[in-house]
Amino acid sequence: MEMFTRLVFLAILTTSLCACEKKGHDSVTDEDMAKAMERLSFTCTHEADNLPAISEDAQALYRYALFLESKKGAKDYQQIGRYYRLAYATGNYKAATNLHILISQGAVDSNNRSKEAIDIVEHLIAQGIPGGYYDMAHYLEKGYGVKQDLPASKAYFRQAADLGDLDAQYYVAQLLSEIPNTADVTQAMYKCAMEQGNRPAGIYYASYLKVLGQYADAVNGYHIAIRNGDSGGARNLARAFEGPPPSEELYYMALQRDEERVKRLDKINMFLSRHEHLGAKVPDLDDIVPLPPAPLPEWDGTFKWKRDRDSAAPPSPPSEELIQRVAAEKNLDPATGMPLAAVKK
């Protein structure tokens, strides 16, 4: 869901930008900007190692906001914004990300959209949240709320990747792939992003290995890409299990023909193609079609992701006591989640 939200965020930024600008970002020096994308070394860091714990209260407020935003039908974005604001004030960085995106899109009311969005992102950066650097990079890239600055944007992208943001790792790898002699660092970033669940990173990682003839590693990369929800991985692996000859370079991966694996992978491809926009994944992939030499288990044709989604009960609305307590502690308007000072203006 988070990656899908970010993709929408980028599309909105690209098509509807505000001319408003804020102060520059002097914390990134000219030297940082020049070296950020040229530094051809990368140590894989996982985002989870740089994220703070979230309290149960903050998580309850966030879950309900996410439920309101995700459910079908008409949406009350002011109520969605209310719960995201309360969750953000209680320390939920996920709520902060979704909130500044909705504010920048104009979906949630704000006294100053661009300023508030940038303030939230700067607060995330001050906390060391990797995604804060990633989102600031895109604002700098597009000139939303800050002066457009492409060198600074690249420095923020690289910092986000180094801190473990999986989307930044994929994004920077895409940029570096256009530069000669960067394959080692590009592959390292794709692999790190893939291991954390980035959907398309596994396809690029595996496809490069396939070209090199490193078929076993390529097959494993496609397998992980499928688990992360990439239908292309299922399609590529299905064709590889048809046992094509080496002359068919597009799909050959030195695999023996296996009709049952082809059948199951084709079903996975159809499932992901139908549900990819909802963030579908295949966490139970090894229970459906494990890689050889593991034998194929019995399979009823269903997917854990869909079973869990269909059976999940909607979260209960946060209690009025919780809302009033958070609002009082953080000096917020309980009806909107906005700071009391902003409401009184």
C-alpha atoms as a PDB file:
ATOM      1  CA  MET A   1       0.000   0.000   0.000  1.00  0.00           C
ATOM      2  CA  GLU A   2       2.816   2.394   0.877  1.00  0.00           C
ATOM      3  CA  MET A   3       4.530   2.019  -2.482  1.00  0.00           C
ATOM      4  CA  PHE A   4       1.194   2.466  -4.306  1.00  0.00           C
ATOM      5  CA  THR A   5       0.559   5.659  -2.292  1.00  0.00           C
ATOM      6  CA  ARG A   6       3.985   6.983  -3.222  1.00  0.00           C
ATOM      7  CA  LEU A   7       3.401   6.283  -6.916  1.00  0.00           C
ATOM      8  CA  VAL A   8       0.189   8.309  -6.787  1.00  0.00           C
ATOM      9  CA  PHE A   9       2.070  11.027  -4.909  1.00  0.00           C
ATOM     10  CA  LEU A  10       4.701  11.256  -7.664  1.00  0.00           C
ATOM     11  CA  ALA A  11       2.072  11.372 -10.391  1.00  0.00           C
ATOM     12  CA  ILE A  12       0.296  14.254  -8.669  1.00  0.00           C
ATOM     13  CA  LEU A  13       3.558  16.129  -8.152  1.00  0.00           C
ATOM     14  CA  THR A  14       4.456  15.728 -11.802  1.00  0.00           C
ATOM     15  CA  THR A  15       1.183  17.098 -13.107  1.00  0.00           C
ATOM     16  CA  SER A  16       0.140  19.764 -10.587  1.00  0.00           C
ATOM     17  CA  LEU A  17       2.869  21.756  -8.901  1.00  0.00           C
ATOM     18  CA  CYS A  18       2.528  24.759  -6.627  1.00  0.00           C
ATOM     19  CA  ALA A  19       4.798  27.696  -7.359  1.00  0.00           C
ATOM     20  CA  CYS A  20       5.210  28.321  -3.630  1.00  0.00           C
ATOM     21  CA  GLU A  21       8.773  27.979  -2.375  1.00  0.00           C
ATOM     22  CA  LYS A  22      10.360  27.607   1.009  1.00  0.00           C
ATOM     23  CA  LYS A  23      13.923  28.087   2.200  1.00  0.00           C
ATOM     24  CA  GLY A  24      16.676  25.999   0.634  1.00  0.00           C
ATOM     25  CA  HIS A  25      18.314  23.017   2.289  1.00  0.00           C
ATOM     26  CA  ASP A  26      21.729  24.137   3.468  1.00  0.00           C
ATOM     27  CA  SER A  27      22.274  20.856   5.342  1.00  0.00           C
ATOM     28  CA  VAL A  28      23.263  19.351   1.982  1.00  0.00           C
ATOM     29  CA  THR A  29      26.548  20.928   0.875  1.00  0.00           C
ATOM     30  CA  ASP A  30      27.707  21.464  -2.692  1.00  0.00           C
ATOM     31  CA  GLU A  31      30.266  18.709  -2.150  1.00  0.00           C
ATOM     32  CA  ASP A  32      27.505  16.352  -1.004  1.00  0.00           C
ATOM     33  CA  MET A  33      25.521  17.162  -4.110  1.00  0.00           C
ATOM     34  CA  ALA A  34      28.448  16.516  -6.442  1.00  0.00           C
ATOM     35  CA  LYS A  35      29.457  13.233  -4.850  1.00  0.00           C
ATOM     36  CA  ALA A  36      26.071  11.778  -3.990  1.00  0.00           C
ATOM     37  CA  MET A  37      25.427  10.004  -7.266  1.00  0.00           C
ATOM     38  CA  GLU A  38      29.070   9.502  -8.236  1.00  0.00           C
ATOM     39  CA  ARG A  39      29.984   7.454  -5.171  1.00  0.00           C
ATOM     40  CA  LEU A  40      30.098   3.964  -6.575  1.00  0.00           C
ATOM     41  CA  SER A  41      29.900   1.989  -3.372  1.00  0.00           C
ATOM     42  CA  PHE A  42      26.897   0.826  -1.432  1.00  0.00           C
ATOM     43  CA  THR A  43      26.353  -1.088   1.779  1.00  0.00           C
ATOM     44  CA  CYS A  44      22.922  -2.656   2.091  1.00  0.00           C
ATOM     45  CA  THR A  45      20.982  -1.226   5.015  1.00  0.00           C
ATOM     46  CA  HIS A  46      17.436  -2.266   5.812  1.00  0.00           C
ATOM     47  CA  GLU A  47      14.954   0.465   6.604  1.00  0.00           C
ATOM     48  CA  ALA A  48      13.674  -1.354   9.691  1.00  0.00           C
ATOM     49  CA  ASP A  49      17.021  -0.724  11.384  1.00  0.00           C
ATOM     50  CA  ASN A  50      16.437   3.043  11.225  1.00  0.00           C
ATOM     51  CA  LEU A  51      12.774   3.247  12.197  1.00  0.00           C
ATOM     52  CA  PRO A  52      11.463   4.099  15.668  1.00  0.00           C
ATOM     53  CA  ALA A  53       8.895   2.043  17.526  1.00  0.00           C
ATOM     54  CA  ILE A  54       5.262   3.122  17.143  1.00  0.00           C
ATOM     55  CA  SER A  55       2.954   3.186  20.154  1.00  0.00           C
ATOM     56  CA  GLU A  56      -0.302   1.232  20.149  1.00  0.00           C
ATOM     57  CA  ASP A  57      -2.306   4.467  20.325  1.00  0.00           C
ATOM     58  CA  ALA A  58      -0.505   5.909  17.297  1.00  0.00           C
ATOM     59  CA  GLN A  59      -0.957   2.661  15.399  1.00  0.00           C
ATOM     60  CA  ALA A  60      -4.681   2.484  16.204  1.00  0.00           C
ATOM     61  CA  LEU A  61      -5.221   6.010  14.871  1.00  0.00           C
ATOM     62  CA  TYR A  62      -3.169   5.244  11.754  1.00  0.00           C
ATOM     63  CA  ARG A  63      -4.920   1.950  11.027  1.00  0.00           C
ATOM     64  CA  TYR A  64      -8.329   3.595  11.138  1.00  0.00           C
ATOM     65  CA  ALA A  65      -7.220   6.430   8.842  1.00  0.00           C
ATOM     66  CA  LEU A  66      -5.760   3.901   6.417  1.00  0.00           C
ATOM     67  CA  PHE A  67      -8.990   1.894   6.518  1.00  0.00           C
ATOM     68  CA  LEU A  68     -11.049   5.000   5.694  1.00  0.00           C
ATOM     69  CA  GLU A  69      -8.686   5.875   2.851  1.00  0.00           C
ATOM     70  CA  SER A  70      -8.574   2.349   1.406  1.00  0.00           C
ATOM     71  CA  LYS A  71     -12.222   1.318   1.518  1.00  0.00           C
ATOM     72  CA  LYS A  72     -14.352   1.432  -1.593  1.00  0.00           C
ATOM     73  CA  GLY A  73     -16.807   4.216  -2.252  1.00  0.00           C
ATOM     74  CA  ALA A  74     -16.892   7.913  -1.444  1.00  0.00           C
ATOM     75  CA  LYS A  75     -14.232   9.073   1.002  1.00  0.00           C
ATOM     76  CA  ASP A  76     -14.366  11.772   3.657  1.00  0.00           C
ATOM     77  CA  TYR A  77     -10.827  13.089   3.334  1.00  0.00           C
ATOM     78  CA  GLN A  78     -11.248  15.551   6.171  1.00  0.00           C
ATOM     79  CA  GLN A  79     -11.919  12.649   8.536  1.00  0.00           C
ATOM     80  CA  ILE A  80      -9.048  10.712   6.994  1.00  0.00           C
ATOM     81  CA  GLY A  81      -6.807  13.722   7.527  1.00  0.00           C
ATOM     82  CA  ARG A  82      -8.080  14.086  11.082  1.00  0.00           C
ATOM     83  CA  TYR A  83      -6.953  10.592  12.074  1.00  0.00           C
ATOM     84  CA  TYR A  84      -3.672  10.843  10.179  1.00  0.00           C
ATOM     85  CA  ARG A  85      -2.931  14.151  11.941  1.00  0.00           C
ATOM     86  CA  LEU A  86      -3.635  12.647  15.354  1.00  0.00           C
ATOM     87  CA  ALA A  87      -1.505   9.595  14.542  1.00  0.00           C
ATOM     88  CA  TYR A  88       1.320  11.793  13.241  1.00  0.00           C
ATOM     89  CA  ALA A  89       1.233  13.908  16.385  1.00  0.00           C
ATOM     90  CA  THR A  90       1.566  10.705  18.410  1.00  0.00           C
ATOM     91  CA  GLY A  91       4.714   9.699  16.535  1.00  0.00           C
ATOM     92  CA  ASN A  92       3.514   7.536  13.641  1.00  0.00           C
ATOM     93  CA  TYR A  93       5.876   8.179  10.706  1.00  0.00           C
ATOM     94  CA  LYS A  94       3.646   6.178   8.326  1.00  0.00           C
ATOM     95  CA  ALA A  95       0.780   8.533   9.104  1.00  0.00           C
ATOM     96  CA  ALA A  96       3.105  11.479   8.496  1.00  0.00           C
ATOM     97  CA  THR A  97       3.971  10.190   5.030  1.00  0.00           C
ATOM     98  CA  ASN A  98       0.356   9.617   4.015  1.00  0.00           C
ATOM     99  CA  LEU A  99      -0.673  12.963   5.520  1.00  0.00           C
ATOM    100  CA  HIS A 100       1.820  15.119   3.642  1.00  0.00           C
ATOM    101  CA  ILE A 101       0.956  13.335   0.404  1.00  0.00           C
ATOM    102  CA  LEU A 102      -2.769  14.029   0.857  1.00  0.00           C
ATOM    103  CA  ILE A 103      -2.037  17.640   1.825  1.00  0.00           C
ATOM    104  CA  SER A 104       0.154  18.170  -1.249  1.00  0.00           C
ATOM    105  CA  GLN A 105      -2.609  16.697  -3.420  1.00  0.00           C
ATOM    106  CA  GLY A 106      -5.152  19.101  -1.966  1.00  0.00           C
ATOM    107  CA  ALA A 107      -7.312  16.273  -0.629  1.00  0.00           C
ATOM    108  CA  VAL A 108      -6.899  17.317   3.017  1.00  0.00           C
ATOM    109  CA  ASP A 109      -7.495  20.909   4.118  1.00  0.00           C
ATOM    110  CA  SER A 110      -4.505  23.000   5.158  1.00  0.00           C
ATOM    111  CA  ASN A 111      -3.893  26.683   5.831  1.00  0.00           C
ATOM    112  CA  ASN A 112      -0.746  26.437   3.692  1.00  0.00           C
ATOM    113  CA  ARG A 113      -0.462  23.194   1.742  1.00  0.00           C
ATOM    114  CA  SER A 114       3.113  23.411   0.503  1.00  0.00           C
ATOM    115  CA  LYS A 115       4.507  24.736   3.791  1.00  0.00           C
ATOM    116  CA  GLU A 116       2.771  22.109   5.898  1.00  0.00           C
ATOM    117  CA  ALA A 117       3.830  19.278   3.585  1.00  0.00           C
ATOM    118  CA  ILE A 118       7.467  20.396   3.718  1.00  0.00           C
ATOM    119  CA  ASP A 119       7.292  20.910   7.500  1.00  0.00           C
ATOM    120  CA  ILE A 120       6.123  17.309   7.937  1.00  0.00           C
ATOM    121  CA  VAL A 121       8.887  15.962   5.706  1.00  0.00           C
ATOM    122  CA  GLU A 122      11.511  18.043   7.518  1.00  0.00           C
ATOM    123  CA  HIS A 123      10.257  16.626  10.806  1.00  0.00           C
ATOM    124  CA  LEU A 124      10.681  13.105   9.424  1.00  0.00           C
ATOM    125  CA  ILE A 125      14.228  13.965   8.353  1.00  0.00           C
ATOM    126  CA  ALA A 126      14.998  15.387  11.800  1.00  0.00           C
ATOM    127  CA  GLN A 127      13.935  12.021  13.225  1.00  0.00           C
ATOM    128  CA  GLY A 128      16.215  10.181  10.799  1.00  0.00           C
ATOM    129  CA  ILE A 129      13.328   8.485   8.970  1.00  0.00           C
ATOM    130  CA  PRO A 130      14.716   7.221   5.622  1.00  0.00           C
ATOM    131  CA  GLY A 131      11.455   7.917   3.789  1.00  0.00           C
ATOM    132  CA  GLY A 132      11.657  11.576   4.780  1.00  0.00           C
ATOM    133  CA  TYR A 133      14.798  11.988   2.696  1.00  0.00           C
ATOM    134  CA  TYR A 134      13.148  10.161  -0.208  1.00  0.00           C
ATOM    135  CA  ASP A 135      10.065  12.370  -0.160  1.00  0.00           C
ATOM    136  CA  MET A 136      12.129  15.563   0.191  1.00  0.00           C
ATOM    137  CA  ALA A 137      14.149  14.436  -2.828  1.00  0.00           C
ATOM    138  CA  HIS A 138      11.001  14.327  -4.936  1.00  0.00           C
ATOM    139  CA  TYR A 139       9.812  17.720  -3.667  1.00  0.00           C
ATOM    140  CA  LEU A 140      13.229  19.191  -4.550  1.00  0.00           C
ATOM    141  CA  GLU A 141      13.142  17.439  -7.913  1.00  0.00           C
ATOM    142  CA  LYS A 142       9.774  18.967  -8.789  1.00  0.00           C
ATOM    143  CA  GLY A 143      10.109  22.269  -6.926  1.00  0.00           C
ATOM    144  CA  TYR A 144       7.060  21.771  -4.718  1.00  0.00           C
ATOM    145  CA  GLY A 145       7.219  23.895  -1.559  1.00  0.00           C
ATOM    146  CA  VAL A 146      10.969  24.364  -1.983  1.00  0.00           C
ATOM    147  CA  LYS A 147      13.156  25.830  -4.692  1.00  0.00           C
ATOM    148  CA  GLN A 148      13.758  23.260  -7.408  1.00  0.00           C
ATOM    149  CA  ASP A 149      17.260  21.868  -6.946  1.00  0.00           C
ATOM    150  CA  LEU A 150      18.188  18.747  -8.907  1.00  0.00           C
ATOM    151  CA  PRO A 151      21.679  18.240  -7.397  1.00  0.00           C
ATOM    152  CA  ALA A 152      20.233  18.469  -3.888  1.00  0.00           C
ATOM    153  CA  SER A 153      17.449  16.120  -4.932  1.00  0.00           C
ATOM    154  CA  LYS A 154      19.981  13.490  -5.985  1.00  0.00           C
ATOM    155  CA  ALA A 155      21.852  13.876  -2.707  1.00  0.00           C
ATOM    156  CA  TYR A 156      18.641  13.273  -0.769  1.00  0.00           C
ATOM    157  CA  PHE A 157      17.788  10.245  -2.906  1.00  0.00           C
ATOM    158  CA  ARG A 158      21.212   8.771  -2.200  1.00  0.00           C
ATOM    159  CA  GLN A 159      20.953   9.508   1.525  1.00  0.00           C
ATOM    160  CA  ALA A 160      17.552   7.808   1.645  1.00  0.00           C
ATOM    161  CA  ALA A 161      18.985   4.767  -0.131  1.00  0.00           C
ATOM    162  CA  ASP A 162      21.962   4.584   2.224  1.00  0.00           C
ATOM    163  CA  LEU A 163      19.618   4.775   5.228  1.00  0.00           C
ATOM    164  CA  GLY A 164      17.609   1.841   3.893  1.00  0.00           C
ATOM    165  CA  ASP A 165      14.578   3.263   2.079  1.00  0.00           C
ATOM    166  CA  LEU A 166      13.682   0.489  -0.366  1.00  0.00           C
ATOM    167  CA  ASP A 167      11.989   2.783  -2.880  1.00  0.00           C
ATOM    168  CA  ALA A 168      15.028   5.083  -2.878  1.00  0.00           C
ATOM    169  CA  GLN A 169      17.337   2.126  -3.420  1.00  0.00           C
ATOM    170  CA  TYR A 170      15.315   1.108  -6.459  1.00  0.00           C
ATOM    171  CA  TYR A 171      15.077   4.699  -7.728  1.00  0.00           C
ATOM    172  CA  VAL A 172      18.804   5.411  -7.381  1.00  0.00           C
ATOM    173  CA  ALA A 173      19.631   2.083  -9.022  1.00  0.00           C
ATOM    174  CA  GLN A 174      17.469   3.127 -11.971  1.00  0.00           C
ATOM    175  CA  LEU A 175      19.383   6.406 -12.272  1.00  0.00           C
ATOM    176  CA  LEU A 176      22.779   4.742 -11.951  1.00  0.00           C
ATOM    177  CA  SER A 177      21.903   2.073 -14.519  1.00  0.00           C
ATOM    178  CA  GLU A 178      22.192   4.754 -17.204  1.00  0.00           C
ATOM    179  CA  ILE A 179      25.831   5.433 -16.248  1.00  0.00           C
ATOM    180  CA  PRO A 180      28.605   3.152 -17.591  1.00  0.00           C
ATOM    181  CA  ASN A 181      30.489   0.866 -15.195  1.00  0.00           C
ATOM    182  CA  THR A 182      27.952   1.056 -12.380  1.00  0.00           C
ATOM    183  CA  ALA A 183      26.595  -2.487 -12.577  1.00  0.00           C
ATOM    184  CA  ASP A 184      28.017  -3.620  -9.232  1.00  0.00           C
ATOM    185  CA  VAL A 185      26.448  -0.841  -7.165  1.00  0.00           C
ATOM    186  CA  THR A 186      23.244  -0.936  -9.220  1.00  0.00           C
ATOM    187  CA  GLN A 187      22.830  -4.656  -8.606  1.00  0.00           C
ATOM    188  CA  ALA A 188      23.635  -4.202  -4.906  1.00  0.00           C
ATOM    189  CA  MET A 189      20.868  -1.606  -4.620  1.00  0.00           C
ATOM    190  CA  TYR A 190      18.363  -3.689  -6.555  1.00  0.00           C
ATOM    191  CA  LYS A 191      19.160  -6.692  -4.362  1.00  0.00           C
ATOM    192  CA  CYS A 192      18.801  -4.709  -1.137  1.00  0.00           C
ATOM    193  CA  ALA A 193      15.496  -3.190  -2.266  1.00  0.00           C
ATOM    194  CA  MET A 194      14.273  -6.605  -3.426  1.00  0.00           C
ATOM    195  CA  GLU A 195      15.114  -8.201  -0.079  1.00  0.00           C
ATOM    196  CA  GLN A 196      12.993  -5.538   1.647  1.00  0.00           C
ATOM    197  CA  GLY A 197       9.972  -6.123  -0.570  1.00  0.00           C
ATOM    198  CA  ASN A 198      10.302  -3.601  -3.404  1.00  0.00           C
ATOM    199  CA  ARG A 199       8.226  -5.071  -6.221  1.00  0.00           C
ATOM    200  CA  PRO A 200      10.076  -4.163  -9.448  1.00  0.00           C
ATOM    201  CA  ALA A 201      13.636  -4.335  -8.070  1.00  0.00           C
ATOM    202  CA  GLY A 202      13.724  -8.125  -8.262  1.00  0.00           C
ATOM    203  CA  ILE A 203      12.910  -8.126 -11.976  1.00  0.00           C
ATOM    204  CA  TYR A 204      15.838  -5.847 -12.808  1.00  0.00           C
ATOM    205  CA  TYR A 205      18.159  -7.761 -10.495  1.00  0.00           C
ATOM    206  CA  ALA A 206      17.208 -11.146 -11.943  1.00  0.00           C
ATOM    207  CA  SER A 207      17.149 -10.025 -15.570  1.00  0.00           C
ATOM    208  CA  TYR A 208      20.726  -8.751 -15.383  1.00  0.00           C
ATOM    209  CA  LEU A 209      21.909 -12.030 -13.856  1.00  0.00           C
ATOM    210  CA  LYS A 210      20.112 -13.944 -16.604  1.00  0.00           C
ATOM    211  CA  VAL A 211      22.018 -11.987 -19.257  1.00  0.00           C
ATOM    212  CA  LEU A 212      25.271 -12.897 -17.489  1.00  0.00           C
ATOM    213  CA  GLY A 213      24.288 -16.560 -17.537  1.00  0.00           C
ATOM    214  CA  GLN A 214      24.019 -16.762 -13.742  1.00  0.00           C
ATOM    215  CA  TYR A 215      20.811 -18.719 -14.059  1.00  0.00           C
ATOM    216  CA  ALA A 216      20.423 -20.110 -10.531  1.00  0.00           C
ATOM    217  CA  ASP A 217      20.694 -16.631  -8.987  1.00  0.00           C
ATOM    218  CA  ALA A 218      18.402 -15.219 -11.675  1.00  0.00           C
ATOM    219  CA  VAL A 219      15.732 -17.835 -10.926  1.00  0.00           C
ATOM    220  CA  ASN A 220      15.947 -17.016  -7.222  1.00  0.00           C
ATOM    221  CA  GLY A 221      15.624 -13.296  -8.004  1.00  0.00           C
ATOM    222  CA  TYR A 222      12.487 -13.852 -10.077  1.00  0.00           C
ATOM    223  CA  HIS A 223      11.116 -16.038  -7.286  1.00  0.00           C
ATOM    224  CA  ILE A 224      11.574 -13.226  -4.754  1.00  0.00           C
ATOM    225  CA  ALA A 225      10.047 -10.730  -7.198  1.00  0.00           C
ATOM    226  CA  ILE A 226       6.939 -12.921  -7.391  1.00  0.00           C
ATOM    227  CA  ARG A 227       6.707 -13.067  -3.608  1.00  0.00           C
ATOM    228  CA  ASN A 228       6.910  -9.256  -3.592  1.00  0.00           C
ATOM    229  CA  GLY A 229       3.959  -9.114  -5.984  1.00  0.00           C
ATOM    230  CA  ASP A 230       5.470  -8.706  -9.452  1.00  0.00           C
ATOM    231  CA  SER A 231       3.427 -10.423 -12.140  1.00  0.00           C
ATOM    232  CA  GLY A 232       6.317 -10.129 -14.597  1.00  0.00           C
ATOM    233  CA  GLY A 233       8.399 -12.396 -12.397  1.00  0.00           C
ATOM    234  CA  ALA A 234       5.703 -15.076 -12.571  1.00  0.00           C
ATOM    235  CA  ARG A 235       5.434 -14.701 -16.334  1.00  0.00           C
ATOM    236  CA  ASN A 236       9.210 -14.975 -16.853  1.00  0.00           C
ATOM    237  CA  LEU A 237       9.594 -17.962 -14.557  1.00  0.00           C
ATOM    238  CA  ALA A 238       6.614 -19.751 -16.105  1.00  0.00           C
ATOM    239  CA  ARG A 239       8.172 -19.467 -19.546  1.00  0.00           C
ATOM    240  CA  ALA A 240      11.524 -20.660 -18.159  1.00  0.00           C
ATOM    241  CA  PHE A 241       9.857 -23.786 -16.726  1.00  0.00           C
ATOM    242  CA  GLU A 242       8.587 -24.608 -20.205  1.00  0.00           C
ATOM    243  CA  GLY A 243      12.173 -25.722 -20.800  1.00  0.00           C
ATOM    244  CA  PRO A 244      13.107 -23.600 -23.832  1.00  0.00           C
ATOM    245  CA  PRO A 245      16.420 -24.293 -25.609  1.00  0.00           C
ATOM    246  CA  PRO A 246      19.466 -22.062 -24.943  1.00  0.00           C
ATOM    247  CA  SER A 247      18.828 -20.317 -28.260  1.00  0.00           C
ATOM    248  CA  GLU A 248      15.668 -18.754 -26.761  1.00  0.00           C
ATOM    249  CA  GLU A 249      17.659 -16.279 -24.699  1.00  0.00           C
ATOM    250  CA  LEU A 250      14.635 -14.316 -23.511  1.00  0.00           C
ATOM    251  CA  TYR A 251      13.373 -17.096 -21.246  1.00  0.00           C
ATOM    252  CA  TYR A 252      16.109 -19.744 -21.058  1.00  0.00           C
ATOM    253  CA  MET A 253      17.370 -20.288 -17.496  1.00  0.00           C
ATOM    254  CA  ALA A 254      18.646 -23.877 -17.623  1.00  0.00           C
ATOM    255  CA  LEU A 255      15.468 -25.304 -16.067  1.00  0.00           C
ATOM    256  CA  GLN A 256      13.868 -28.650 -16.825  1.00  0.00           C
ATOM    257  CA  ARG A 257      10.377 -28.582 -18.290  1.00  0.00           C
ATOM    258  CA  ASP A 258       7.783 -28.754 -15.508  1.00  0.00           C
ATOM    259  CA  GLU A 259       4.193 -28.433 -16.703  1.00  0.00           C
ATOM    260  CA  GLU A 260       2.657 -28.215 -13.225  1.00  0.00           C
ATOM    261  CA  ARG A 261       4.983 -25.383 -12.226  1.00  0.00           C
ATOM    262  CA  VAL A 262       4.114 -23.595 -15.467  1.00  0.00           C
ATOM    263  CA  LYS A 263       0.409 -24.001 -14.696  1.00  0.00           C
ATOM    264  CA  ARG A 264       0.746 -22.646 -11.161  1.00  0.00           C
ATOM    265  CA  LEU A 265       2.971 -19.744 -12.169  1.00  0.00           C
ATOM    266  CA  ASP A 266       0.498 -18.768 -14.895  1.00  0.00           C
ATOM    267  CA  LYS A 267      -2.252 -18.706 -12.255  1.00  0.00           C
ATOM    268  CA  ILE A 268      -0.076 -16.534 -10.033  1.00  0.00           C
ATOM    269  CA  ASN A 269       0.569 -14.210 -12.975  1.00  0.00           C
ATOM    270  CA  MET A 270      -3.177 -13.825 -13.551  1.00  0.00           C
ATOM    271  CA  PHE A 271      -3.827 -13.252  -9.844  1.00  0.00           C
ATOM    272  CA  LEU A 272      -1.151 -10.568  -9.517  1.00  0.00           C
ATOM    273  CA  SER A 273      -2.138  -8.859 -12.764  1.00  0.00           C
ATOM    274  CA  ARG A 274      -5.687  -8.594 -11.411  1.00  0.00           C
ATOM    275  CA  HIS A 275      -4.714  -7.352  -7.940  1.00  0.00           C
ATOM    276  CA  GLU A 276      -1.348  -5.630  -8.420  1.00  0.00           C
ATOM    277  CA  HIS A 277      -2.908  -2.169  -8.065  1.00  0.00           C
ATOM    278  CA  LEU A 278      -4.028  -3.157  -4.567  1.00  0.00           C
ATOM    279  CA  GLY A 279      -0.519  -4.113  -3.521  1.00  0.00           C
ATOM    280  CA  ALA A 280      -1.034  -7.883  -3.733  1.00  0.00           C
ATOM    281  CA  LYS A 281       1.854 -10.125  -2.723  1.00  0.00           C
ATOM    282  CA  VAL A 282       2.422 -13.872  -2.545  1.00  0.00           C
ATOM    283  CA  PRO A 283       3.907 -14.494   0.926  1.00  0.00           C
ATOM    284  CA  ASP A 284       2.912 -18.163   0.662  1.00  0.00           C
ATOM    285  CA  LEU A 285       4.796 -18.670  -2.615  1.00  0.00           C
ATOM    286  CA  ASP A 286       6.894 -21.534  -1.241  1.00  0.00           C
ATOM    287  CA  ASP A 287       3.676 -23.309  -0.262  1.00  0.00           C
ATOM    288  CA  ILE A 288       2.408 -23.007  -3.843  1.00  0.00           C
ATOM    289  CA  VAL A 289       5.381 -23.367  -6.161  1.00  0.00           C
ATOM    290  CA  PRO A 290       8.728 -23.749  -4.367  1.00  0.00           C
ATOM    291  CA  LEU A 291      11.864 -23.799  -6.457  1.00  0.00           C
ATOM    292  CA  PRO A 292      13.292 -27.211  -7.376  1.00  0.00           C
ATOM    293  CA  PRO A 293      14.494 -29.570  -6.101  1.00  0.00           C
ATOM    294  CA  ALA A 294      11.693 -29.063  -3.546  1.00  0.00           C
ATOM    295  CA  PRO A 295       8.618 -31.115  -4.526  1.00  0.00           C
ATOM    296  CA  LEU A 296       5.356 -29.372  -5.314  1.00  0.00           C
ATOM    297  CA  PRO A 297       2.919 -29.485  -2.372  1.00  0.00           C
ATOM    298  CA  GLU A 298      -0.831 -29.844  -2.685  1.00  0.00           C
ATOM    299  CA  TRP A 299      -2.487 -26.497  -3.462  1.00  0.00           C
ATOM    300  CA  ASP A 300      -6.137 -25.504  -3.350  1.00  0.00           C
ATOM    301  CA  GLY A 301      -5.686 -22.654  -5.832  1.00  0.00           C
ATOM    302  CA  THR A 302      -6.157 -19.846  -3.286  1.00  0.00           C
ATOM    303  CA  PHE A 303      -3.773 -17.143  -2.075  1.00  0.00           C
ATOM    304  CA  LYS A 304      -3.039 -16.123   1.507  1.00  0.00           C
ATOM    305  CA  TRP A 305      -3.034 -12.419   0.633  1.00  0.00           C
ATOM    306  CA  LYS A 306      -6.599 -12.589  -0.691  1.00  0.00           C
ATOM    307  CA  ARG A 307      -7.822 -14.903   2.076  1.00  0.00           C
ATOM    308  CA  ASP A 308      -6.497 -12.503   4.695  1.00  0.00           C
ATOM    309  CA  ARG A 309      -7.940  -9.480   2.892  1.00  0.00           C
ATOM    310  CA  ASP A 310     -11.376 -11.055   2.483  1.00  0.00           C
ATOM    311  CA  SER A 311     -11.572 -12.215   6.101  1.00  0.00           C
ATOM    312  CA  ALA A 312     -10.114  -9.130   7.766  1.00  0.00           C
ATOM    313  CA  ALA A 313     -12.525  -7.306  10.048  1.00  0.00           C
ATOM    314  CA  PRO A 314     -12.498  -3.506   9.752  1.00  0.00           C
ATOM    315  CA  PRO A 315     -10.648  -1.792  12.603  1.00  0.00           C
ATOM    316  CA  SER A 316     -12.738  -0.252  15.351  1.00  0.00           C
ATOM    317  CA  PRO A 317     -12.878   3.547  15.408  1.00  0.00           C
ATOM    318  CA  PRO A 318     -10.482   5.008  17.984  1.00  0.00           C
ATOM    319  CA  SER A 319     -12.243   5.832  21.221  1.00  0.00           C
ATOM    320  CA  GLU A 320     -13.345   9.368  21.951  1.00  0.00           C
ATOM    321  CA  GLU A 321     -11.228   9.198  25.107  1.00  0.00           C
ATOM    322  CA  LEU A 322      -8.104   8.520  23.023  1.00  0.00           C
ATOM    323  CA  ILE A 323      -8.901  11.326  20.583  1.00  0.00           C
ATOM    324  CA  GLN A 324      -9.517  13.851  23.363  1.00  0.00           C
ATOM    325  CA  ARG A 325      -6.395  12.776  25.256  1.00  0.00           C
ATOM    326  CA  VAL A 326      -4.111  13.038  22.229  1.00  0.00           C
ATOM    327  CA  ALA A 327      -5.644  16.372  21.242  1.00  0.00           C
ATOM    328  CA  ALA A 328      -5.128  17.773  24.744  1.00  0.00           C
ATOM    329  CA  GLU A 329      -1.545  16.507  25.001  1.00  0.00           C
ATOM    330  CA  LYS A 330      -0.555  17.855  21.576  1.00  0.00           C
ATOM    331  CA  ASN A 331      -2.645  21.061  21.553  1.00  0.00           C
ATOM    332  CA  LEU A 332      -4.731  19.896  18.616  1.00  0.00           C
ATOM    333  CA  ASP A 333      -8.327  20.472  17.607  1.00  0.00           C
ATOM    334  CA  PRO A 334      -9.959  17.068  18.233  1.00  0.00           C
ATOM    335  CA  ALA A 335     -12.438  17.633  15.388  1.00  0.00           C
ATOM    336  CA  THR A 336      -9.781  18.152  12.692  1.00  0.00           C
ATOM    337  CA  GLY A 337      -6.454  17.102  14.188  1.00  0.00           C
ATOM    338  CA  MET A 338      -5.018  20.486  13.218  1.00  0.00           C
ATOM    339  CA  PRO A 339      -3.022  22.599  15.707  1.00  0.00           C
ATOM    340  CA  LEU A 340      -5.314  24.781  17.784  1.00  0.00           C
ATOM    341  CA  ALA A 341      -3.327  27.857  16.783  1.00  0.00           C
ATOM    342  CA  ALA A 342      -4.015  27.142  13.108  1.00  0.00           C
ATOM    343  CA  VAL A 343      -7.734  26.550  13.700  1.00  0.00           C
ATOM    344  CA  LYS A 344      -8.143  29.868  15.526  1.00  0.00           C
ATOM    345  CA  LYS A 345      -6.664  31.887  12.647  1.00  0.00           C
END
